[in-house]
Amino acid sequence: MKKQRNHYSVSRREFIHTTAAVAAWAAIGIKPTHILAANNPKGEDTKKILNYNPDMEYRLCGKTGWMVSAVCLGGHWKRVDQMVPGVFGKGSWLSADLNNKDFQKNRYDVVTRCIERGINYIDACTHAEIIAYSRAMKGRRDRMYLGWSWYERESRNVKYRTADALMETFDMSLKECEQEYVDVWRIVANSDGKKGPDGKHIMAHTEAESEQIAKALERARKTGRARRTGISSHDRIWLEYMMKTFPDQIEVVVTPYTAKSKVLPQESFFDTVQKCNCGFFGIKPFAGTSLFKGNSAPNSPKADEDDRLARLAIRYILCNPAITAPIPGMINAEQVDNVALAVKERRELDAKEKAELEHAMDLAWQNLPPHYQWLKNWEYV
């Protein structure tokens, strides 16, 4: 994507539009979390905000007490081969060569630009990601919160559904990443529940398995090796069960929220998120990469159009004040600039912008690959 103009100011009119959008959400039961708008119009104390930048918006991340940037860095680098040709070898993005010097520089440069823009949280999900981002943060670990899971060795895998097995994975992750602690350990659990013969929902994990997950999180936090804890899943009913049953251990949830998602007016998932005072990080804000028309190469003829669609999506998502932050994966510094610009733009979409984004997301829905069809379950939340 091409570099955006250096436009990081907000007018009084734009601030009023943002305030009105928050009020509209409150009308259907979604209460605004504490939000510190860009340029700090209320003159609030910012000394405790990690990596504060007046050009960035910050939101309270639930009971963690942290003020987190309104857009953060997700761990996935699915199109980074456009920047580092051949880094995937003959495999998928998960097979990236972590020792490739150009790849290491790419990740370091993206993290650097995040720091420059006031972004203060990185969310890593895979074994490769936790290693790559631990390396990229070396020497500046105090500038950003780092959250992670090693999903390959967590509760999606039947071998890792006891507290002891999960702690073995956690201890190994700290050792391999050469870290003394992680800011957020968020265990990745089974993706979806099922319907039983009677049509009733069967949760992604049994109550016994769920208790083991909570025990592992508690043990990690008590030792100080995980400052905060949480979970990730695609099963909303199980997530709600966990938030209500284990409020001390579930401080953060990580789950899908795209530019197609809509909050239900009653019994919304976000009612529970707010009642339990949990931080919420939204994955797949661009429906994987299905929202985009180009291939994300810097010289793509669709780069400007895709940049605009990305900003529209971020603005749409941030209209929900219950969300802490979307966490898009980004492959270069210009993409970081672009999402940071979206935070500064007028929040509420006008009629033309809504129509453009809705059309683009309809196409994205049609273009979802088979392994991403589950995203459609997150259209009404």
Foldseek 3Di string as FASTA:
>chain_A
DDFDDPDQAFDPVLVVLLVVLQVVLVVLPQHFFDKQAALRPVPDDCPQAFLDDSSFMWGQFFPLRHTFTQAAAEQQQQLLCLVVPCQQPPHGSVSGDLPPPSQLVQLLQQVVLCSVLSGAEYEEEALSRLQSVLSSCPPPPRRHAYEYEHQVQDALDVVHLALVSRLVVVVVSCVSNVHQAHAEYATEHEAEWDADPVRDTDGSDDPVSLVRVQVNQVVCCVVVRYVAYAYEYNYLVVRLVSLVVRLRRHQEYEYADELLADEDSPPGSLSSCVVSRHAYEHECHCLQVLLFDFSPNNPTPRVVVRLVLVLLSQLSVVSSSSHRYYHYHDNHSSSVSSNSVSSSDRRDDDPVSVVVNVVSVVSSQVVRDPVSVSVVVRSYD
